[in-house]
N, C-alpha and C. Protein backbone atom coordinates (compact mmCIF):
# COMPACT_ATOMS: atom_id res chain seq x y z
N MET A 1 104.39 114.87 111.52
CA MET A 1 104.70 114.77 110.10
C MET A 1 103.51 115.35 109.32
N SER A 2 103.78 116.24 108.41
CA SER A 2 102.71 116.87 107.62
C SER A 2 102.17 115.91 106.56
N PHE A 3 100.87 116.01 106.34
CA PHE A 3 100.22 115.19 105.33
C PHE A 3 99.25 116.04 104.52
N ARG A 4 98.92 115.53 103.34
CA ARG A 4 97.99 116.21 102.42
C ARG A 4 96.85 115.26 102.08
N VAL A 5 95.65 115.82 102.10
CA VAL A 5 94.47 115.07 101.65
C VAL A 5 93.85 115.86 100.51
N GLN A 6 93.59 115.18 99.41
CA GLN A 6 92.96 115.80 98.24
C GLN A 6 91.74 114.99 97.84
N GLY A 7 90.68 115.70 97.47
CA GLY A 7 89.55 115.03 96.85
C GLY A 7 89.94 114.61 95.44
N LEU A 8 89.12 113.78 94.86
CA LEU A 8 89.38 113.37 93.48
C LEU A 8 89.22 114.56 92.54
N ASP A 9 89.95 114.52 91.46
CA ASP A 9 89.89 115.58 90.45
C ASP A 9 88.52 115.57 89.77
N PRO A 10 87.76 116.66 89.84
CA PRO A 10 86.43 116.67 89.22
C PRO A 10 86.44 116.41 87.73
N GLU A 11 87.56 116.67 87.07
CA GLU A 11 87.63 116.43 85.62
C GLU A 11 87.52 114.94 85.27
N LEU A 12 87.82 114.07 86.25
CA LEU A 12 87.67 112.63 86.01
C LEU A 12 86.23 112.26 85.68
N PHE A 13 85.29 113.10 86.13
CA PHE A 13 83.88 112.80 85.99
C PHE A 13 83.14 113.81 85.11
N ALA A 14 83.89 114.66 84.41
CA ALA A 14 83.30 115.74 83.60
C ALA A 14 82.34 115.20 82.55
N ASP A 15 82.64 114.05 81.97
CA ASP A 15 81.78 113.51 80.91
C ASP A 15 80.44 112.99 81.44
N LEU A 16 80.28 112.91 82.76
CA LEU A 16 79.04 112.41 83.35
C LEU A 16 78.09 113.54 83.77
N ARG A 17 78.64 114.74 83.93
CA ARG A 17 77.84 115.86 84.42
C ARG A 17 76.65 116.15 83.51
N GLY A 18 75.46 116.17 84.12
CA GLY A 18 74.27 116.57 83.40
C GLY A 18 73.70 115.54 82.44
N LEU A 19 74.29 114.36 82.37
CA LEU A 19 73.75 113.34 81.46
C LEU A 19 72.38 112.86 81.96
N PRO A 20 71.49 112.55 81.04
CA PRO A 20 70.20 111.96 81.45
C PRO A 20 70.42 110.56 82.04
N GLU A 21 69.46 110.13 82.84
CA GLU A 21 69.59 108.84 83.54
C GLU A 21 69.86 107.67 82.61
N VAL A 22 69.26 107.66 81.43
CA VAL A 22 69.45 106.54 80.51
C VAL A 22 70.92 106.46 80.06
N GLU A 23 71.55 107.60 79.83
CA GLU A 23 72.96 107.60 79.42
C GLU A 23 73.87 107.25 80.59
N LEU A 24 73.51 107.71 81.78
CA LEU A 24 74.29 107.32 82.97
C LEU A 24 74.21 105.80 83.16
N ALA A 25 73.00 105.25 83.06
CA ALA A 25 72.80 103.81 83.26
C ALA A 25 73.63 103.00 82.27
N ALA A 26 73.76 103.48 81.04
CA ALA A 26 74.56 102.77 80.04
C ALA A 26 76.04 102.72 80.44
N LYS A 27 76.45 103.66 81.31
CA LYS A 27 77.83 103.69 81.79
C LYS A 27 77.97 103.07 83.18
N GLY A 28 76.87 102.50 83.69
CA GLY A 28 76.90 101.88 85.01
C GLY A 28 76.87 102.88 86.15
N VAL A 29 76.30 104.05 85.91
CA VAL A 29 76.26 105.13 86.89
C VAL A 29 74.80 105.43 87.23
N GLU A 30 74.54 105.76 88.49
CA GLU A 30 73.20 106.14 88.92
C GLU A 30 73.23 107.54 89.52
N ARG A 31 72.19 108.31 89.25
CA ARG A 31 71.99 109.60 89.93
C ARG A 31 71.10 109.31 91.13
N VAL A 32 71.56 109.73 92.31
CA VAL A 32 70.85 109.47 93.56
C VAL A 32 70.52 110.81 94.20
N PHE A 33 69.30 110.94 94.70
CA PHE A 33 68.91 112.15 95.42
C PHE A 33 69.05 111.89 96.91
N VAL A 34 69.77 112.76 97.58
CA VAL A 34 70.09 112.61 99.00
C VAL A 34 68.84 112.90 99.83
N THR A 35 68.51 111.98 100.74
CA THR A 35 67.33 112.14 101.58
C THR A 35 67.67 112.37 103.04
N GLU A 36 68.92 112.16 103.41
CA GLU A 36 69.36 112.45 104.78
C GLU A 36 70.85 112.79 104.77
N LYS A 37 71.24 113.53 105.79
CA LYS A 37 72.64 113.91 105.93
C LYS A 37 73.09 113.57 107.33
N PRO A 38 74.23 112.93 107.49
CA PRO A 38 75.21 112.53 106.48
C PRO A 38 74.89 111.15 105.90
N SER A 39 74.91 111.05 104.58
CA SER A 39 74.69 109.74 103.96
C SER A 39 75.38 109.60 102.60
N ALA A 40 75.83 110.69 102.02
CA ALA A 40 76.44 110.64 100.69
C ALA A 40 77.72 111.48 100.67
N PRO A 41 78.82 110.88 101.16
CA PRO A 41 80.08 111.62 101.19
C PRO A 41 80.71 111.73 99.80
N CYS A 42 80.83 112.94 99.31
CA CYS A 42 81.41 113.19 97.99
C CYS A 42 82.92 113.00 98.04
N ARG A 43 83.46 112.31 97.05
CA ARG A 43 84.91 112.06 97.01
C ARG A 43 85.66 113.19 96.34
N ILE A 44 84.97 114.20 95.85
CA ILE A 44 85.62 115.40 95.30
C ILE A 44 85.73 116.46 96.39
N THR A 45 84.61 116.79 97.02
CA THR A 45 84.58 117.85 98.04
C THR A 45 84.97 117.34 99.42
N LEU A 46 84.93 116.03 99.60
CA LEU A 46 85.20 115.36 100.88
C LEU A 46 84.32 115.88 102.00
N ASP A 47 83.08 116.20 101.62
CA ASP A 47 82.04 116.55 102.57
C ASP A 47 80.75 115.86 102.12
N ASP A 48 79.78 115.80 103.02
CA ASP A 48 78.53 115.14 102.69
C ASP A 48 77.65 116.05 101.86
N ALA A 49 76.97 115.45 100.88
CA ALA A 49 76.01 116.19 100.07
C ALA A 49 74.82 116.56 100.94
N GLU A 50 74.15 117.64 100.54
CA GLU A 50 73.00 118.15 101.28
C GLU A 50 71.73 117.40 100.90
N VAL A 51 70.76 117.38 101.81
CA VAL A 51 69.46 116.78 101.54
C VAL A 51 68.85 117.49 100.32
N GLY A 52 68.34 116.71 99.38
CA GLY A 52 67.75 117.24 98.16
C GLY A 52 68.74 117.35 97.01
N GLU A 53 70.01 117.31 97.29
CA GLU A 53 71.06 117.39 96.26
C GLU A 53 71.16 116.04 95.55
N SER A 54 71.53 116.06 94.28
CA SER A 54 71.78 114.81 93.56
C SER A 54 73.28 114.56 93.52
N VAL A 55 73.63 113.29 93.59
CA VAL A 55 75.02 112.85 93.48
C VAL A 55 75.06 111.69 92.50
N LEU A 56 76.22 111.45 91.95
CA LEU A 56 76.39 110.31 91.07
C LEU A 56 77.03 109.17 91.86
N LEU A 57 76.48 107.99 91.71
CA LEU A 57 77.00 106.78 92.33
C LEU A 57 77.61 105.94 91.23
N LEU A 58 78.91 105.65 91.38
CA LEU A 58 79.62 104.91 90.34
C LEU A 58 80.75 104.09 90.94
N SER A 59 81.26 103.17 90.18
CA SER A 59 82.40 102.37 90.60
C SER A 59 83.68 103.09 90.19
N TYR A 60 84.66 103.08 91.10
CA TYR A 60 85.90 103.81 90.87
C TYR A 60 87.09 102.93 91.23
N ASP A 61 88.10 102.89 90.36
CA ASP A 61 89.35 102.16 90.62
C ASP A 61 90.24 103.03 91.51
N HIS A 62 90.15 102.84 92.82
CA HIS A 62 90.95 103.66 93.72
C HIS A 62 92.34 103.07 93.98
N GLN A 63 92.53 101.81 93.66
CA GLN A 63 93.84 101.17 93.80
C GLN A 63 94.10 100.42 92.50
N PRO A 64 94.49 101.15 91.43
CA PRO A 64 94.59 100.53 90.11
C PRO A 64 95.88 99.77 89.83
N ALA A 65 96.83 99.79 90.77
CA ALA A 65 98.11 99.10 90.53
C ALA A 65 97.86 97.61 90.30
N ASP A 66 98.64 97.02 89.43
CA ASP A 66 98.49 95.60 89.10
C ASP A 66 99.18 94.75 90.17
N THR A 67 98.54 94.69 91.33
CA THR A 67 99.04 93.91 92.47
C THR A 67 97.86 93.17 93.08
N PRO A 68 98.11 92.28 94.04
CA PRO A 68 96.99 91.63 94.72
C PRO A 68 96.10 92.61 95.48
N TYR A 69 96.56 93.83 95.71
CA TYR A 69 95.79 94.84 96.44
C TYR A 69 94.94 95.72 95.52
N ARG A 70 94.92 95.41 94.25
CA ARG A 70 94.09 96.18 93.31
C ARG A 70 92.66 96.20 93.81
N GLN A 71 92.02 97.39 93.78
CA GLN A 71 90.64 97.50 94.27
C GLN A 71 89.85 98.55 93.50
N GLN A 72 88.57 98.31 93.46
CA GLN A 72 87.62 99.30 92.98
C GLN A 72 86.40 99.20 93.87
N GLY A 73 85.59 100.23 93.84
CA GLY A 73 84.39 100.18 94.65
C GLY A 73 83.51 101.39 94.41
N PRO A 74 82.34 101.40 95.04
CA PRO A 74 81.37 102.47 94.83
C PRO A 74 81.79 103.76 95.53
N ILE A 75 81.53 104.87 94.85
CA ILE A 75 81.76 106.19 95.42
C ILE A 75 80.62 107.11 95.00
N PHE A 76 80.41 108.17 95.78
CA PHE A 76 79.51 109.26 95.41
C PHE A 76 80.36 110.44 94.97
N VAL A 77 79.91 111.13 93.91
CA VAL A 77 80.52 112.40 93.52
C VAL A 77 79.41 113.39 93.20
N ARG A 78 79.64 114.62 93.62
CA ARG A 78 78.72 115.69 93.25
C ARG A 78 78.98 116.06 91.80
N GLU A 79 77.94 116.51 91.12
CA GLU A 79 78.12 116.94 89.74
C GLU A 79 78.79 118.30 89.67
N GLN A 80 78.71 119.06 90.74
CA GLN A 80 79.39 120.35 90.86
C GLN A 80 80.04 120.40 92.24
N GLY A 81 81.15 121.04 92.33
CA GLY A 81 81.79 121.19 93.63
C GLY A 81 83.28 121.36 93.50
N LYS A 82 83.83 122.06 94.45
CA LYS A 82 85.26 122.34 94.44
C LYS A 82 86.02 121.21 95.12
N ARG A 83 87.13 120.84 94.54
CA ARG A 83 87.98 119.78 95.06
C ARG A 83 88.58 120.19 96.40
N PHE A 84 88.45 119.31 97.39
CA PHE A 84 89.06 119.56 98.69
C PHE A 84 90.56 119.35 98.59
N GLU A 85 91.31 120.29 99.13
CA GLU A 85 92.76 120.15 99.25
C GLU A 85 93.15 120.74 100.59
N GLY A 86 93.77 119.94 101.44
CA GLY A 86 94.15 120.44 102.75
C GLY A 86 95.41 119.77 103.26
N VAL A 87 96.16 120.52 104.03
CA VAL A 87 97.38 120.01 104.66
C VAL A 87 97.13 119.94 106.16
N ASP A 88 97.45 118.77 106.72
CA ASP A 88 97.29 118.51 108.15
C ASP A 88 95.85 118.71 108.61
N MET A 89 94.89 118.43 107.73
CA MET A 89 93.47 118.56 108.03
C MET A 89 92.75 117.27 107.66
N VAL A 90 91.87 116.81 108.53
CA VAL A 90 91.00 115.69 108.20
C VAL A 90 89.71 116.30 107.65
N PRO A 91 89.35 116.02 106.41
CA PRO A 91 88.16 116.62 105.79
C PRO A 91 86.88 116.27 106.55
N PRO A 92 85.83 117.10 106.40
CA PRO A 92 84.61 116.91 107.18
C PRO A 92 83.98 115.52 107.06
N ALA A 93 83.84 114.98 105.86
CA ALA A 93 83.18 113.67 105.71
C ALA A 93 83.97 112.57 106.40
N LEU A 94 85.28 112.68 106.43
CA LEU A 94 86.11 111.68 107.09
C LEU A 94 86.07 111.89 108.60
N ALA A 95 86.08 113.13 109.04
CA ALA A 95 86.13 113.43 110.47
C ALA A 95 84.90 112.92 111.21
N ARG A 96 83.77 112.79 110.53
CA ARG A 96 82.54 112.38 111.23
C ARG A 96 82.25 110.88 111.15
N ARG A 97 83.20 110.08 110.64
CA ARG A 97 82.98 108.64 110.50
C ARG A 97 84.15 107.84 111.05
N THR A 98 83.89 106.57 111.33
CA THR A 98 84.95 105.63 111.66
C THR A 98 85.66 105.28 110.35
N LEU A 99 86.98 105.29 110.40
CA LEU A 99 87.78 105.04 109.20
C LEU A 99 88.63 103.78 109.34
N SER A 100 88.91 103.17 108.21
CA SER A 100 89.93 102.15 108.09
C SER A 100 91.06 102.80 107.31
N LEU A 101 92.20 102.97 107.95
CA LEU A 101 93.37 103.55 107.27
C LEU A 101 94.28 102.41 106.84
N ARG A 102 94.78 102.50 105.61
CA ARG A 102 95.61 101.45 105.03
C ARG A 102 96.85 102.08 104.42
N GLY A 103 98.01 101.78 104.98
CA GLY A 103 99.27 102.33 104.48
C GLY A 103 99.90 101.42 103.45
N PHE A 104 100.30 102.00 102.32
CA PHE A 104 100.90 101.24 101.23
C PHE A 104 102.33 101.70 100.99
N ASP A 105 103.18 100.77 100.58
CA ASP A 105 104.56 101.13 100.22
C ASP A 105 104.63 101.51 98.73
N ALA A 106 105.83 101.76 98.25
CA ALA A 106 106.02 102.20 96.87
C ALA A 106 105.65 101.13 95.84
N ARG A 107 105.59 99.87 96.28
CA ARG A 107 105.19 98.78 95.38
C ARG A 107 103.69 98.51 95.47
N HIS A 108 102.96 99.38 96.18
CA HIS A 108 101.50 99.29 96.34
C HIS A 108 101.08 98.07 97.15
N THR A 109 101.93 97.69 98.11
CA THR A 109 101.63 96.61 99.03
C THR A 109 101.19 97.22 100.36
N MET A 110 100.10 96.72 100.92
CA MET A 110 99.61 97.23 102.19
C MET A 110 100.55 96.77 103.30
N ILE A 111 101.10 97.74 104.05
CA ILE A 111 102.04 97.40 105.12
C ILE A 111 101.58 97.91 106.49
N GLU A 112 100.53 98.71 106.53
CA GLU A 112 99.94 99.22 107.77
C GLU A 112 98.43 99.18 107.60
N ALA A 113 97.71 98.94 108.70
CA ALA A 113 96.25 99.00 108.66
C ALA A 113 95.72 99.14 110.08
N GLU A 114 94.83 100.10 110.27
CA GLU A 114 94.20 100.33 111.57
C GLU A 114 92.84 100.97 111.36
N MET A 115 91.97 100.79 112.35
CA MET A 115 90.70 101.50 112.38
C MET A 115 90.83 102.64 113.38
N VAL A 116 90.16 103.76 113.08
CA VAL A 116 90.25 104.93 113.94
C VAL A 116 89.00 105.79 113.74
N GLU A 117 88.58 106.47 114.79
CA GLU A 117 87.52 107.45 114.62
C GLU A 117 88.08 108.61 113.82
N GLY A 118 87.30 109.12 112.88
CA GLY A 118 87.78 110.18 112.01
C GLY A 118 88.32 111.39 112.75
N ALA A 119 87.70 111.74 113.87
CA ALA A 119 88.15 112.89 114.65
C ALA A 119 89.55 112.66 115.22
N ASP A 120 89.98 111.40 115.32
CA ASP A 120 91.30 111.06 115.85
C ASP A 120 92.27 110.60 114.77
N ALA A 121 91.89 110.74 113.51
CA ALA A 121 92.68 110.19 112.41
C ALA A 121 94.04 110.84 112.25
N LYS A 122 94.16 112.11 112.59
CA LYS A 122 95.43 112.80 112.38
C LYS A 122 96.58 112.09 113.10
N ALA A 123 96.37 111.66 114.33
CA ALA A 123 97.42 110.98 115.09
C ALA A 123 97.81 109.66 114.44
N MET A 124 96.81 108.92 113.91
CA MET A 124 97.11 107.64 113.25
C MET A 124 97.84 107.87 111.94
N ILE A 125 97.47 108.89 111.20
CA ILE A 125 98.18 109.23 109.95
C ILE A 125 99.63 109.57 110.27
N ASP A 126 99.84 110.37 111.30
CA ASP A 126 101.21 110.70 111.72
C ASP A 126 102.00 109.44 112.06
N ARG A 127 101.36 108.51 112.79
CA ARG A 127 102.04 107.27 113.17
C ARG A 127 102.41 106.46 111.93
N PHE A 128 101.48 106.34 110.97
CA PHE A 128 101.79 105.59 109.74
C PHE A 128 102.98 106.22 109.02
N PHE A 129 103.00 107.54 108.89
CA PHE A 129 104.06 108.20 108.14
C PHE A 129 105.40 108.23 108.88
N ARG A 130 105.41 107.88 110.15
CA ARG A 130 106.70 107.71 110.83
C ARG A 130 107.42 106.47 110.30
N ASN A 131 106.67 105.56 109.68
CA ASN A 131 107.26 104.41 109.01
C ASN A 131 107.74 104.91 107.64
N PRO A 132 109.04 104.96 107.40
CA PRO A 132 109.54 105.51 106.13
C PRO A 132 109.12 104.72 104.90
N ASP A 133 108.66 103.49 105.09
CA ASP A 133 108.24 102.68 103.95
C ASP A 133 106.81 102.98 103.50
N VAL A 134 106.05 103.73 104.30
CA VAL A 134 104.68 104.07 103.89
C VAL A 134 104.76 105.21 102.88
N ALA A 135 104.35 104.92 101.66
CA ALA A 135 104.38 105.92 100.58
C ALA A 135 103.10 106.74 100.55
N TYR A 136 101.97 106.12 100.87
CA TYR A 136 100.68 106.80 100.87
C TYR A 136 99.70 105.98 101.69
N ILE A 137 98.60 106.61 102.03
CA ILE A 137 97.56 105.98 102.84
C ILE A 137 96.23 106.11 102.11
N HIS A 138 95.47 105.03 102.13
CA HIS A 138 94.08 105.09 101.68
C HIS A 138 93.20 105.09 102.91
N ALA A 139 92.26 106.03 102.94
CA ALA A 139 91.24 106.05 103.98
C ALA A 139 89.97 105.45 103.38
N HIS A 140 89.36 104.55 104.13
CA HIS A 140 88.09 103.95 103.75
C HIS A 140 87.09 104.20 104.86
N TYR A 141 85.81 104.32 104.50
CA TYR A 141 84.77 104.40 105.51
C TYR A 141 84.55 103.00 106.05
N ALA A 142 84.78 102.83 107.34
CA ALA A 142 84.80 101.49 107.92
C ALA A 142 83.47 100.76 107.83
N ARG A 143 82.37 101.46 107.99
CA ARG A 143 81.07 100.78 108.01
C ARG A 143 80.80 100.05 106.71
N ARG A 144 80.94 100.71 105.58
CA ARG A 144 80.65 100.07 104.29
C ARG A 144 81.91 99.67 103.53
N GLY A 145 83.06 100.12 103.99
CA GLY A 145 84.32 99.73 103.36
C GLY A 145 84.68 100.52 102.12
N CYS A 146 83.91 101.55 101.80
CA CYS A 146 84.14 102.32 100.58
C CYS A 146 85.35 103.24 100.69
N PHE A 147 86.07 103.40 99.59
CA PHE A 147 87.20 104.31 99.52
C PHE A 147 86.73 105.73 99.82
N ALA A 148 87.49 106.43 100.67
CA ALA A 148 87.15 107.82 101.03
C ALA A 148 88.11 108.81 100.39
N ALA A 149 89.43 108.61 100.60
CA ALA A 149 90.40 109.57 100.09
C ALA A 149 91.80 109.00 100.20
N MET A 150 92.72 109.60 99.43
CA MET A 150 94.13 109.27 99.53
C MET A 150 94.82 110.33 100.38
N VAL A 151 95.76 109.87 101.21
CA VAL A 151 96.56 110.75 102.05
C VAL A 151 98.01 110.57 101.64
N THR A 152 98.70 111.67 101.38
CA THR A 152 100.11 111.63 100.99
C THR A 152 100.92 112.50 101.94
N ARG A 153 102.22 112.36 101.88
CA ARG A 153 103.10 113.21 102.67
C ARG A 153 103.06 114.62 102.04
N ALA A 154 103.06 115.62 102.93
CA ALA A 154 103.02 117.01 102.42
C ALA A 154 104.44 117.52 102.19
């Protein structure tokens, strides 16, 4: 079964680009300089930022539906970068980490959940989408539990 993975739309964060630290702090955002790779997976490019690069660390509502599964959490975004869009591809930042995949139905209720190595995620995504009730999948980085990306049917 074909699937699509997209990074977050960079326009969601356009108002943060280039702001001084004091203005970012007023919005609850921090600019972080990357000191090792892999350590800062960007949710726009779906790859790790390079050593010396700055990224923005902020809280993001990745499951905004008004259900018991509503969630928000910390994410890194690059201030510049092209949005990842791929079909039947596991993006680089996801492929190199252990993932928690969570399948949701159309009412935003979690109905599937498994852990998988990112390099093996394609098979688990295919298995989730064989369930016709799975409307979309959220991938989370298993170690810290942070939202990584949304996976939809292609």
